[in-house]
């Protein structure tokens, strides 16, 4: 789902959850295959530990999950 021409929806891996968990959020297109993560409206750094924090520059790779494929934030 796209929010606008400049943003994409993607997922961030959550750490220390006891199982593999991903959080949907969005990212601003920077160009050259890079994106800047934006915090979801209910982001709480005290409750969730994101693999890549809001404001981080990431690339996107397709992740093969049990319920289907989805875009995942990864290191650039």
N, C-alpha and C. Protein backbone atom coordinates (compact mmCIF):
# COMPACT_ATOMS: atom_id res chain seq x y z
N UNK A 1 0.85 -1.18 0.00
CA UNK A 1 0.00 0.00 0.00
C UNK A 1 0.88 1.24 0.00
N UNK A 2 0.64 2.17 -0.86
CA UNK A 2 1.41 3.41 -0.93
C UNK A 2 0.64 4.53 -0.25
N UNK A 3 1.36 5.37 0.47
CA UNK A 3 0.75 6.52 1.12
C UNK A 3 0.77 7.73 0.18
N UNK A 4 1.78 7.82 -0.65
CA UNK A 4 1.89 8.86 -1.66
C UNK A 4 3.00 8.43 -2.61
N UNK A 5 3.31 9.30 -3.55
CA UNK A 5 4.37 8.96 -4.50
C UNK A 5 5.74 8.93 -3.82
N UNK A 6 5.89 9.59 -2.66
CA UNK A 6 7.18 9.68 -1.99
C UNK A 6 7.37 8.66 -0.89
N UNK A 7 6.31 7.98 -0.47
CA UNK A 7 6.39 7.03 0.63
C UNK A 7 5.99 5.63 0.17
N UNK A 8 6.58 4.63 0.82
CA UNK A 8 6.17 3.25 0.60
C UNK A 8 5.86 2.62 1.96
N UNK A 9 5.08 1.56 1.94
CA UNK A 9 4.86 0.77 3.14
C UNK A 9 5.83 -0.39 3.11
N UNK A 10 6.46 -0.66 4.26
CA UNK A 10 7.38 -1.78 4.39
C UNK A 10 7.32 -2.28 5.82
N UNK A 11 8.16 -3.25 6.14
CA UNK A 11 8.18 -3.82 7.48
C UNK A 11 9.58 -3.73 8.07
N UNK A 12 9.62 -3.64 9.40
CA UNK A 12 10.88 -3.63 10.16
C UNK A 12 10.85 -4.82 11.11
N UNK A 13 11.97 -5.51 11.19
CA UNK A 13 12.07 -6.65 12.12
C UNK A 13 12.14 -6.11 13.55
N UNK A 14 11.37 -6.74 14.45
CA UNK A 14 11.45 -6.39 15.87
C UNK A 14 12.40 -7.35 16.55
N UNK A 15 13.23 -6.83 17.43
CA UNK A 15 14.22 -7.63 18.14
C UNK A 15 13.72 -7.99 19.53
N UNK A 16 14.26 -9.06 20.10
CA UNK A 16 13.98 -9.49 21.47
C UNK A 16 12.51 -9.80 21.73
N UNK A 17 11.83 -10.37 20.73
CA UNK A 17 10.42 -10.71 20.86
C UNK A 17 10.21 -12.20 21.18
N UNK A 18 11.26 -13.00 21.11
CA UNK A 18 11.12 -14.43 21.38
C UNK A 18 10.76 -15.25 20.15
N UNK A 19 10.30 -14.58 19.12
CA UNK A 19 9.98 -15.21 17.84
C UNK A 19 10.15 -14.14 16.77
N UNK A 20 10.14 -14.53 15.51
CA UNK A 20 10.32 -13.56 14.43
C UNK A 20 9.06 -12.71 14.28
N UNK A 21 9.21 -11.39 14.48
CA UNK A 21 8.08 -10.47 14.42
C UNK A 21 8.47 -9.28 13.55
N UNK A 22 7.52 -8.80 12.76
CA UNK A 22 7.75 -7.67 11.87
C UNK A 22 6.67 -6.61 12.10
N UNK A 23 7.08 -5.35 12.05
CA UNK A 23 6.17 -4.23 12.29
C UNK A 23 5.99 -3.46 10.99
N UNK A 24 4.75 -3.27 10.52
CA UNK A 24 4.56 -2.43 9.34
C UNK A 24 4.79 -0.97 9.68
N UNK A 25 5.41 -0.26 8.76
CA UNK A 25 5.61 1.18 8.89
C UNK A 25 5.77 1.74 7.49
N UNK A 26 6.28 2.93 7.38
CA UNK A 26 6.49 3.50 6.04
C UNK A 26 7.86 4.13 5.96
N UNK A 27 8.25 4.43 4.75
CA UNK A 27 9.57 5.01 4.51
C UNK A 27 9.50 6.00 3.35
N UNK A 28 10.30 7.01 3.45
CA UNK A 28 10.40 8.04 2.42
C UNK A 28 11.41 7.60 1.37
N UNK A 29 11.03 7.67 0.10
CA UNK A 29 11.95 7.34 -0.99
C UNK A 29 13.03 8.41 -1.08
N UNK A 30 14.30 7.98 -1.02
CA UNK A 30 15.43 8.90 -1.13
C UNK A 30 16.04 8.86 -2.53
N UNK A 31 15.82 7.77 -3.24
CA UNK A 31 16.43 7.57 -4.56
C UNK A 31 17.57 6.58 -4.47
N UNK A 32 17.94 6.05 -5.59
CA UNK A 32 19.03 5.09 -5.65
C UNK A 32 18.76 3.82 -4.87
N UNK A 33 17.49 3.47 -4.68
CA UNK A 33 17.14 2.27 -3.95
C UNK A 33 17.19 2.41 -2.44
N UNK A 34 17.33 3.64 -1.96
CA UNK A 34 17.40 3.89 -0.52
C UNK A 34 16.13 4.57 -0.02
N UNK A 35 15.83 4.31 1.27
CA UNK A 35 14.63 4.83 1.91
C UNK A 35 14.96 5.27 3.33
N UNK A 36 14.23 6.25 3.83
CA UNK A 36 14.40 6.72 5.21
C UNK A 36 13.17 6.28 6.01
N UNK A 37 13.40 5.47 7.07
CA UNK A 37 12.29 4.95 7.87
C UNK A 37 11.58 6.05 8.63
N UNK A 38 10.26 5.93 8.69
CA UNK A 38 9.41 6.86 9.43
C UNK A 38 8.71 6.05 10.51
N UNK A 39 8.65 6.57 11.73
CA UNK A 39 7.98 5.88 12.83
C UNK A 39 6.50 5.75 12.54
N UNK A 40 5.94 4.60 12.88
CA UNK A 40 4.48 4.43 12.78
C UNK A 40 3.83 5.30 13.86
N UNK A 41 2.56 5.68 13.68
CA UNK A 41 1.91 6.59 14.64
C UNK A 41 1.95 6.11 16.09
N UNK A 42 1.93 4.80 16.30
CA UNK A 42 1.95 4.28 17.67
C UNK A 42 3.32 3.74 18.08
N UNK A 43 4.39 4.19 17.42
CA UNK A 43 5.74 3.75 17.75
C UNK A 43 6.08 4.13 19.18
N UNK A 44 6.61 3.16 19.94
CA UNK A 44 7.02 3.37 21.33
C UNK A 44 8.36 2.66 21.53
N UNK A 45 9.44 3.44 21.58
CA UNK A 45 10.77 2.84 21.70
C UNK A 45 10.95 2.09 23.01
N UNK A 46 10.11 2.36 24.01
CA UNK A 46 10.17 1.63 25.26
C UNK A 46 9.47 0.28 25.19
N UNK A 47 8.64 0.10 24.18
CA UNK A 47 7.86 -1.14 24.05
C UNK A 47 8.39 -2.05 22.96
N UNK A 48 8.96 -1.47 21.89
CA UNK A 48 9.46 -2.25 20.76
C UNK A 48 10.90 -1.87 20.45
N UNK A 49 11.72 -2.87 20.12
CA UNK A 49 13.08 -2.60 19.68
C UNK A 49 13.16 -2.92 18.19
N UNK A 50 13.20 -1.87 17.37
CA UNK A 50 13.28 -2.05 15.92
C UNK A 50 14.71 -2.38 15.52
N UNK A 51 14.87 -3.26 14.54
CA UNK A 51 16.19 -3.57 14.01
C UNK A 51 16.83 -2.32 13.40
N UNK A 52 16.04 -1.49 12.75
CA UNK A 52 16.49 -0.22 12.17
C UNK A 52 15.56 0.85 12.72
N UNK A 53 16.11 1.84 13.40
CA UNK A 53 15.30 2.86 14.07
C UNK A 53 14.70 3.87 13.10
N UNK A 54 13.60 4.51 13.48
CA UNK A 54 13.06 5.59 12.65
C UNK A 54 14.16 6.61 12.35
N UNK A 55 14.20 7.05 11.10
CA UNK A 55 15.23 7.97 10.66
C UNK A 55 16.40 7.28 9.97
N UNK A 56 16.52 5.96 10.14
CA UNK A 56 17.61 5.20 9.51
C UNK A 56 17.40 5.10 8.01
N UNK A 57 18.50 5.07 7.28
CA UNK A 57 18.46 4.84 5.84
C UNK A 57 18.59 3.35 5.59
N UNK A 58 17.68 2.79 4.81
CA UNK A 58 17.64 1.34 4.54
C UNK A 58 17.41 1.08 3.07
N UNK A 59 17.64 -0.17 2.69
CA UNK A 59 17.21 -0.71 1.40
C UNK A 59 15.99 -1.57 1.68
N UNK A 60 15.35 -2.06 0.65
CA UNK A 60 14.19 -2.94 0.81
C UNK A 60 14.44 -4.24 0.06
N UNK A 61 14.18 -5.35 0.74
CA UNK A 61 14.25 -6.66 0.12
C UNK A 61 12.91 -7.36 0.34
N UNK A 62 12.55 -8.23 -0.57
CA UNK A 62 11.34 -9.02 -0.42
C UNK A 62 11.62 -10.15 0.57
N UNK A 63 10.81 -10.22 1.62
CA UNK A 63 10.95 -11.27 2.64
C UNK A 63 9.86 -12.31 2.40
N UNK A 64 10.24 -13.58 2.49
CA UNK A 64 9.30 -14.67 2.26
C UNK A 64 8.78 -15.14 3.61
N UNK A 65 7.63 -14.62 4.02
CA UNK A 65 7.02 -14.97 5.30
C UNK A 65 6.04 -16.11 5.16
N UNK A 66 5.56 -16.62 6.29
CA UNK A 66 4.63 -17.75 6.27
C UNK A 66 3.27 -17.36 5.70
N UNK A 67 2.92 -16.07 5.77
CA UNK A 67 1.63 -15.64 5.21
C UNK A 67 1.79 -14.95 3.86
N UNK A 68 2.99 -14.98 3.31
CA UNK A 68 3.23 -14.38 2.00
C UNK A 68 4.44 -13.47 2.03
N UNK A 69 4.77 -12.94 0.88
CA UNK A 69 5.93 -12.08 0.73
C UNK A 69 5.59 -10.63 1.09
N UNK A 70 6.58 -9.93 1.67
CA UNK A 70 6.38 -8.51 2.00
C UNK A 70 7.72 -7.79 1.97
N UNK A 71 7.70 -6.45 1.75
CA UNK A 71 8.94 -5.68 1.71
C UNK A 71 9.49 -5.49 3.12
N UNK A 72 10.80 -5.74 3.28
CA UNK A 72 11.47 -5.69 4.58
C UNK A 72 12.63 -4.70 4.51
N UNK A 73 12.76 -3.86 5.53
CA UNK A 73 13.89 -2.93 5.63
C UNK A 73 15.14 -3.71 5.99
N UNK A 74 16.23 -3.46 5.23
CA UNK A 74 17.53 -4.08 5.48
C UNK A 74 18.62 -3.03 5.39
N UNK A 75 19.83 -3.38 5.88
CA UNK A 75 20.96 -2.44 5.83
C UNK A 75 21.24 -2.04 4.38
N UNK A 76 21.65 -0.78 4.19
CA UNK A 76 22.00 -0.36 2.81
C UNK A 76 23.31 -0.96 2.35
